[in-house]
Amino acid sequence: MLVVLTVLLALAGAGALVLAGTGASGPTRAEPVPAAASLAPAGAGVVVAPADPVRLDISAIDVHTPLLTLGLNPDGTVEVPSLDTMPEANQAGWYDGSPTPGALGPSVILGHVDSARFGPSVFYDLAALVPGDRVEVTRTDGSTVTFQVDSVARYPKDAFPTDAVYGDIDHAGLRLITCGGEFDRAARSYKDNIVVYASAVSAGRGE
């Protein structure tokens, strides 16, 4: 399944992996941390049965959002939340071609950094996360899976590391993706992508 997904995205090109941010400014709190500051992945110790995600909470950057479910566009690229209406423009979405958060493999959640119409969006401060920050995902089975940020990176959209983001891994991982870097006014999009890599460290049920 993951091998097929990786091939599909590779064939679709960089456009399948970018978000259509249309604002004029990017994250201001911090640049992504260098690789030397990253933590080792947490390993395969926390893996839970699949259940769809419904909510994302990242207290370090004040993100608290319901999760949309995203699929593929007709051209094979990954859907992104709509920028046309609220609250969708300010919500993150889980790509349902990836594992559910807490299951084995890299679960993928996407969100916009901002938009010309609505201003800063859900992942405006995503680049400010640092290794050790916690990310919580609530699921339909009533459980909450907590992830620890391993590293944060910025990549040019034409050099997106498809295998590293979508490829097989030996633990329950999470990828948070948005736009970043310099804003290209002519193209009305950002030149880079921000990717947060995280690993599951605990799972439990709420009261």
C-alpha atoms as a PDB file:
ATOM      1  CA  MET A   1       0.000   0.000   0.000  1.00  0.00           C
ATOM      2  CA  LEU A   2       2.678   2.516   0.977  1.00  0.00           C
ATOM      3  CA  VAL A   3       4.883   1.474  -1.918  1.00  0.00           C
ATOM      4  CA  VAL A   4       2.016   2.069  -4.347  1.00  0.00           C
ATOM      5  CA  LEU A   5       1.304   5.438  -2.733  1.00  0.00           C
ATOM      6  CA  THR A   6       4.932   6.499  -2.995  1.00  0.00           C
ATOM      7  CA  VAL A   7       5.052   5.615  -6.690  1.00  0.00           C
ATOM      8  CA  LEU A   8       1.782   7.417  -7.333  1.00  0.00           C
ATOM      9  CA  LEU A   9       2.997  10.606  -5.696  1.00  0.00           C
ATOM     10  CA  ALA A  10       6.364  10.410  -7.410  1.00  0.00           C
ATOM     11  CA  LEU A  11       4.647  10.137 -10.786  1.00  0.00           C
ATOM     12  CA  ALA A  12       2.301  12.971  -9.928  1.00  0.00           C
ATOM     13  CA  GLY A  13       5.265  15.280  -9.357  1.00  0.00           C
ATOM     14  CA  ALA A  14       5.961  18.004  -6.835  1.00  0.00           C
ATOM     15  CA  GLY A  15       2.506  19.488  -7.362  1.00  0.00           C
ATOM     16  CA  ALA A  16       0.982  16.579  -5.494  1.00  0.00           C
ATOM     17  CA  LEU A  17       2.838  17.554  -2.371  1.00  0.00           C
ATOM     18  CA  VAL A  18       2.415  21.307  -2.147  1.00  0.00           C
ATOM     19  CA  LEU A  19      -0.306  23.475  -0.666  1.00  0.00           C
ATOM     20  CA  ALA A  20      -1.883  26.314  -2.540  1.00  0.00           C
ATOM     21  CA  GLY A  21      -1.141  29.089  -0.060  1.00  0.00           C
ATOM     22  CA  THR A  22      -2.031  32.474  -1.535  1.00  0.00           C
ATOM     23  CA  GLY A  23      -1.120  34.890   1.236  1.00  0.00           C
ATOM     24  CA  ALA A  24       1.649  37.435   1.194  1.00  0.00           C
ATOM     25  CA  SER A  25       3.479  36.419   4.320  1.00  0.00           C
ATOM     26  CA  GLY A  26       4.775  33.247   5.947  1.00  0.00           C
ATOM     27  CA  PRO A  27       5.547  31.960   9.413  1.00  0.00           C
ATOM     28  CA  THR A  28       7.220  34.602  11.543  1.00  0.00           C
ATOM     29  CA  ARG A  29       8.030  32.912  14.849  1.00  0.00           C
ATOM     30  CA  ALA A  30      10.979  30.818  13.730  1.00  0.00           C
ATOM     31  CA  GLU A  31      12.724  29.124  10.855  1.00  0.00           C
ATOM     32  CA  PRO A  32      12.775  25.314  10.851  1.00  0.00           C
ATOM     33  CA  VAL A  33      15.369  23.868  13.182  1.00  0.00           C
ATOM     34  CA  PRO A  34      18.568  22.454  11.663  1.00  0.00           C
ATOM     35  CA  ALA A  35      18.902  18.708  11.308  1.00  0.00           C
ATOM     36  CA  ALA A  36      21.502  18.616  14.088  1.00  0.00           C
ATOM     37  CA  ALA A  37      18.814  19.609  16.593  1.00  0.00           C
ATOM     38  CA  SER A  38      16.489  16.757  15.701  1.00  0.00           C
ATOM     39  CA  LEU A  39      15.635  13.853  17.973  1.00  0.00           C
ATOM     40  CA  ALA A  40      15.776  10.188  17.062  1.00  0.00           C
ATOM     41  CA  PRO A  41      12.355   8.701  16.190  1.00  0.00           C
ATOM     42  CA  ALA A  42      10.605   7.154  19.158  1.00  0.00           C
ATOM     43  CA  GLY A  43      10.683   3.659  17.636  1.00  0.00           C
ATOM     44  CA  ALA A  44       7.947   1.060  17.218  1.00  0.00           C
ATOM     45  CA  GLY A  45       6.866   0.872  20.875  1.00  0.00           C
ATOM     46  CA  VAL A  46       3.546   2.749  20.472  1.00  0.00           C
ATOM     47  CA  VAL A  47       1.343   1.349  17.717  1.00  0.00           C
ATOM     48  CA  VAL A  48      -2.451   1.158  17.989  1.00  0.00           C
ATOM     49  CA  ALA A  49      -5.260  -0.257  15.871  1.00  0.00           C
ATOM     50  CA  PRO A  50      -6.493   1.974  13.017  1.00  0.00           C
ATOM     51  CA  ALA A  51      -9.171   4.578  13.727  1.00  0.00           C
ATOM     52  CA  ASP A  52      -9.855   7.736  11.741  1.00  0.00           C
ATOM     53  CA  PRO A  53      -8.654  11.030  13.266  1.00  0.00           C
ATOM     54  CA  VAL A  54     -11.145  13.765  14.140  1.00  0.00           C
ATOM     55  CA  ARG A  55      -9.124  16.446  15.956  1.00  0.00           C
ATOM     56  CA  LEU A  56      -5.609  17.878  16.117  1.00  0.00           C
ATOM     57  CA  ASP A  57      -4.168  19.794  19.089  1.00  0.00           C
ATOM     58  CA  ILE A  58      -0.700  21.381  19.197  1.00  0.00           C
ATOM     59  CA  SER A  59      -0.513  23.499  22.340  1.00  0.00           C
ATOM     60  CA  ALA A  60       2.981  24.848  21.575  1.00  0.00           C
ATOM     61  CA  ILE A  61       1.604  26.872  18.639  1.00  0.00           C
ATOM     62  CA  ASP A  62      -2.017  27.191  19.830  1.00  0.00           C
ATOM     63  CA  VAL A  63      -3.465  24.895  17.157  1.00  0.00           C
ATOM     64  CA  HIS A  64      -6.806  23.281  18.025  1.00  0.00           C
ATOM     65  CA  THR A  65      -8.699  22.116  14.963  1.00  0.00           C
ATOM     66  CA  PRO A  66     -11.193  19.526  13.790  1.00  0.00           C
ATOM     67  CA  LEU A  67      -9.736  17.353  11.040  1.00  0.00           C
ATOM     68  CA  LEU A  68     -11.161  17.142   7.556  1.00  0.00           C
ATOM     69  CA  THR A  69     -10.721  13.967   5.517  1.00  0.00           C
ATOM     70  CA  LEU A  70      -8.774  14.501   2.296  1.00  0.00           C
ATOM     71  CA  GLY A  71      -8.454  12.173  -0.668  1.00  0.00           C
ATOM     72  CA  LEU A  72      -7.040  12.492  -4.161  1.00  0.00           C
ATOM     73  CA  ASN A  73      -7.967  14.956  -6.879  1.00  0.00           C
ATOM     74  CA  PRO A  74      -8.911  13.591 -10.332  1.00  0.00           C
ATOM     75  CA  ASP A  75      -5.345  14.239 -11.527  1.00  0.00           C
ATOM     76  CA  GLY A  76      -3.914  12.059  -8.746  1.00  0.00           C
ATOM     77  CA  THR A  77      -2.652  14.894  -6.549  1.00  0.00           C
ATOM     78  CA  VAL A  78      -3.468  15.038  -2.840  1.00  0.00           C
ATOM     79  CA  GLU A  79      -6.431  17.220  -1.903  1.00  0.00           C
ATOM     80  CA  VAL A  80      -5.931  20.189   0.406  1.00  0.00           C
ATOM     81  CA  PRO A  81      -8.525  22.009   2.543  1.00  0.00           C
ATOM     82  CA  SER A  82     -10.604  24.502   0.571  1.00  0.00           C
ATOM     83  CA  LEU A  83      -9.467  28.119   0.678  1.00  0.00           C
ATOM     84  CA  ASP A  84     -12.855  29.416  -0.480  1.00  0.00           C
ATOM     85  CA  THR A  85     -14.883  29.256   2.722  1.00  0.00           C
ATOM     86  CA  MET A  86     -14.512  29.288   6.488  1.00  0.00           C
ATOM     87  CA  PRO A  87     -14.030  27.290   8.613  1.00  0.00           C
ATOM     88  CA  GLU A  88     -12.508  24.907   6.055  1.00  0.00           C
ATOM     89  CA  ALA A  89      -9.740  27.361   5.125  1.00  0.00           C
ATOM     90  CA  ASN A  90      -8.569  27.352   8.737  1.00  0.00           C
ATOM     91  CA  GLN A  91      -8.803  23.604   9.381  1.00  0.00           C
ATOM     92  CA  ALA A  92      -6.245  20.868   8.854  1.00  0.00           C
ATOM     93  CA  GLY A  93      -7.016  17.646   7.033  1.00  0.00           C
ATOM     94  CA  TRP A  94      -5.871  14.039   7.244  1.00  0.00           C
ATOM     95  CA  TYR A  95      -4.926  12.384   3.946  1.00  0.00           C
ATOM     96  CA  ASP A  96      -6.912   9.140   3.952  1.00  0.00           C
ATOM     97  CA  GLY A  97      -4.416   7.386   1.689  1.00  0.00           C
ATOM     98  CA  SER A  98      -1.975   7.412   4.605  1.00  0.00           C
ATOM     99  CA  PRO A  99      -2.186   5.332   7.805  1.00  0.00           C
ATOM    100  CA  THR A 100      -4.453   6.589  10.561  1.00  0.00           C
ATOM    101  CA  PRO A 101      -2.525   8.379  13.328  1.00  0.00           C
ATOM    102  CA  GLY A 102      -1.062   5.826  15.740  1.00  0.00           C
ATOM    103  CA  ALA A 103      -1.080   2.970  13.236  1.00  0.00           C
ATOM    104  CA  LEU A 104       2.191   1.717  11.781  1.00  0.00           C
ATOM    105  CA  GLY A 105       3.545   4.077   9.142  1.00  0.00           C
ATOM    106  CA  PRO A 106       3.547   7.809   8.357  1.00  0.00           C
ATOM    107  CA  SER A 107       0.163   9.471   8.858  1.00  0.00           C
ATOM    108  CA  VAL A 108      -0.115  12.702   6.859  1.00  0.00           C
ATOM    109  CA  ILE A 109      -1.950  15.862   7.946  1.00  0.00           C
ATOM    110  CA  LEU A 110      -1.988  18.975   5.761  1.00  0.00           C
ATOM    111  CA  GLY A 111      -3.010  22.570   6.398  1.00  0.00           C
ATOM    112  CA  HIS A 112      -2.607  26.026   4.900  1.00  0.00           C
ATOM    113  CA  VAL A 113      -0.171  28.609   6.228  1.00  0.00           C
ATOM    114  CA  ASP A 114      -2.401  31.536   5.208  1.00  0.00           C
ATOM    115  CA  SER A 115      -4.604  32.886   2.442  1.00  0.00           C
ATOM    116  CA  ALA A 116      -5.154  36.229   0.746  1.00  0.00           C
ATOM    117  CA  ARG A 117      -8.821  36.193   1.736  1.00  0.00           C
ATOM    118  CA  PHE A 118      -8.665  35.076   5.358  1.00  0.00           C
ATOM    119  CA  GLY A 119      -5.096  35.814   6.517  1.00  0.00           C
ATOM    120  CA  PRO A 120      -3.109  33.462   8.798  1.00  0.00           C
ATOM    121  CA  SER A 121      -4.379  29.890   8.744  1.00  0.00           C
ATOM    122  CA  VAL A 122      -4.141  26.801  10.919  1.00  0.00           C
ATOM    123  CA  PHE A 123      -0.467  26.006  10.233  1.00  0.00           C
ATOM    124  CA  TYR A 124       0.810  29.602  10.177  1.00  0.00           C
ATOM    125  CA  ASP A 125       3.273  28.867  13.009  1.00  0.00           C
ATOM    126  CA  LEU A 126       4.084  25.266  12.099  1.00  0.00           C
ATOM    127  CA  ALA A 127       7.741  26.126  11.431  1.00  0.00           C
ATOM    128  CA  ALA A 128       8.071  27.302  15.034  1.00  0.00           C
ATOM    129  CA  LEU A 129       7.771  23.772  16.418  1.00  0.00           C
ATOM    130  CA  VAL A 130      10.936  22.267  17.874  1.00  0.00           C
ATOM    131  CA  PRO A 131      12.015  18.712  18.703  1.00  0.00           C
ATOM    132  CA  GLY A 132      10.278  17.529  21.836  1.00  0.00           C
ATOM    133  CA  ASP A 133       7.046  19.480  21.283  1.00  0.00           C
ATOM    134  CA  ARG A 134       3.900  17.381  21.640  1.00  0.00           C
ATOM    135  CA  VAL A 135       1.134  16.854  19.073  1.00  0.00           C
ATOM    136  CA  GLU A 136      -2.162  15.201  20.060  1.00  0.00           C
ATOM    137  CA  VAL A 137      -4.567  13.522  17.644  1.00  0.00           C
ATOM    138  CA  THR A 138      -8.030  12.461  18.811  1.00  0.00           C
ATOM    139  CA  ARG A 139      -9.633   9.556  16.947  1.00  0.00           C
ATOM    140  CA  THR A 140     -13.103   8.137  16.305  1.00  0.00           C
ATOM    141  CA  ASP A 141     -12.570   5.300  18.797  1.00  0.00           C
ATOM    142  CA  GLY A 142     -12.271   7.841  21.638  1.00  0.00           C
ATOM    143  CA  SER A 143      -8.503   7.495  21.966  1.00  0.00           C
ATOM    144  CA  THR A 144      -5.908  10.241  21.808  1.00  0.00           C
ATOM    145  CA  VAL A 145      -2.485   9.499  20.360  1.00  0.00           C
ATOM    146  CA  THR A 146       0.352  11.772  21.490  1.00  0.00           C
ATOM    147  CA  PHE A 147       3.271  12.354  19.163  1.00  0.00           C
ATOM    148  CA  GLN A 148       6.645  13.930  19.888  1.00  0.00           C
ATOM    149  CA  VAL A 149       8.223  16.166  17.269  1.00  0.00           C
ATOM    150  CA  ASP A 150      11.456  14.611  15.991  1.00  0.00           C
ATOM    151  CA  SER A 151      12.492  17.298  13.508  1.00  0.00           C
ATOM    152  CA  VAL A 152      11.235  20.178  11.378  1.00  0.00           C
ATOM    153  CA  ALA A 153      12.484  20.771   7.847  1.00  0.00           C
ATOM    154  CA  ARG A 154      11.938  23.092   4.902  1.00  0.00           C
ATOM    155  CA  TYR A 155      12.216  21.835   1.322  1.00  0.00           C
ATOM    156  CA  PRO A 156      11.938  23.536  -2.082  1.00  0.00           C
ATOM    157  CA  LYS A 157       8.730  22.340  -3.695  1.00  0.00           C
ATOM    158  CA  ASP A 158      10.660  21.073  -6.705  1.00  0.00           C
ATOM    159  CA  ALA A 159      12.846  18.922  -4.435  1.00  0.00           C
ATOM    160  CA  PHE A 160      10.229  17.480  -2.099  1.00  0.00           C
ATOM    161  CA  PRO A 161      11.508  14.257  -0.427  1.00  0.00           C
ATOM    162  CA  THR A 162       8.591  11.982  -1.334  1.00  0.00           C
ATOM    163  CA  ASP A 163      10.136   8.808   0.073  1.00  0.00           C
ATOM    164  CA  ALA A 164      11.081  10.388   3.406  1.00  0.00           C
ATOM    165  CA  VAL A 165       7.591  11.810   3.912  1.00  0.00           C
ATOM    166  CA  TYR A 166       5.361   9.057   2.505  1.00  0.00           C
ATOM    167  CA  GLY A 167       7.582   5.961   2.519  1.00  0.00           C
ATOM    168  CA  ASP A 168       7.503   2.979   4.866  1.00  0.00           C
ATOM    169  CA  ILE A 169       8.796   3.452   8.425  1.00  0.00           C
ATOM    170  CA  ASP A 170       9.135   1.058  11.368  1.00  0.00           C
ATOM    171  CA  HIS A 171       6.999   3.043  13.828  1.00  0.00           C
ATOM    172  CA  ALA A 172       3.804   5.058  14.125  1.00  0.00           C
ATOM    173  CA  GLY A 173       4.781   8.406  12.638  1.00  0.00           C
ATOM    174  CA  LEU A 174       3.128  11.700  11.807  1.00  0.00           C
ATOM    175  CA  ARG A 175       3.869  14.210   9.050  1.00  0.00           C
ATOM    176  CA  LEU A 176       2.475  17.745   9.290  1.00  0.00           C
ATOM    177  CA  ILE A 177       2.818  19.668   6.022  1.00  0.00           C
ATOM    178  CA  THR A 178       2.260  23.268   4.979  1.00  0.00           C
ATOM    179  CA  CYS A 179       3.790  25.948   2.749  1.00  0.00           C
ATOM    180  CA  GLY A 180       6.688  28.159   3.768  1.00  0.00           C
ATOM    181  CA  GLY A 181       9.747  30.079   2.723  1.00  0.00           C
ATOM    182  CA  GLU A 182       9.630  32.984   0.294  1.00  0.00           C
ATOM    183  CA  PHE A 183       6.310  33.973  -1.270  1.00  0.00           C
ATOM    184  CA  ASP A 184       6.378  34.127  -5.061  1.00  0.00           C
ATOM    185  CA  ARG A 185       3.946  36.932  -5.903  1.00  0.00           C
ATOM    186  CA  ALA A 186       3.950  36.151  -9.614  1.00  0.00           C
ATOM    187  CA  ALA A 187       3.023  32.513  -9.026  1.00  0.00           C
ATOM    188  CA  ARG A 188       0.879  33.386  -5.966  1.00  0.00           C
ATOM    189  CA  SER A 189       2.371  30.547  -3.974  1.00  0.00           C
ATOM    190  CA  TYR A 190       5.197  29.816  -1.554  1.00  0.00           C
ATOM    191  CA  LYS A 191       8.409  28.345  -2.909  1.00  0.00           C
ATOM    192  CA  ASP A 192       8.924  25.777  -0.142  1.00  0.00           C
ATOM    193  CA  ASN A 193       7.144  23.241   2.029  1.00  0.00           C
ATOM    194  CA  ILE A 194       7.484  22.900   5.801  1.00  0.00           C
ATOM    195  CA  VAL A 195       7.396  19.305   7.057  1.00  0.00           C
ATOM    196  CA  VAL A 196       7.204  18.317  10.718  1.00  0.00           C
ATOM    197  CA  TYR A 197       8.286  14.742  11.483  1.00  0.00           C
ATOM    198  CA  ALA A 198       6.882  13.236  14.685  1.00  0.00           C
ATOM    199  CA  SER A 199       6.627   9.826  16.369  1.00  0.00           C
ATOM    200  CA  ALA A 200       3.920   8.348  18.599  1.00  0.00           C
ATOM    201  CA  VAL A 201       4.925   8.219  22.262  1.00  0.00           C
ATOM    202  CA  SER A 202       1.658   7.355  24.024  1.00  0.00           C
ATOM    203  CA  ALA A 203      -1.986   6.528  23.445  1.00  0.00           C
ATOM    204  CA  GLY A 204      -4.973   6.473  25.758  1.00  0.00           C
ATOM    205  CA  ARG A 205      -8.695   7.127  26.070  1.00  0.00           C
ATOM    206  CA  GLY A 206     -10.236  10.286  27.419  1.00  0.00           C
ATOM    207  CA  GLU A 207     -12.656  10.339  30.314  1.00  0.00           C
END
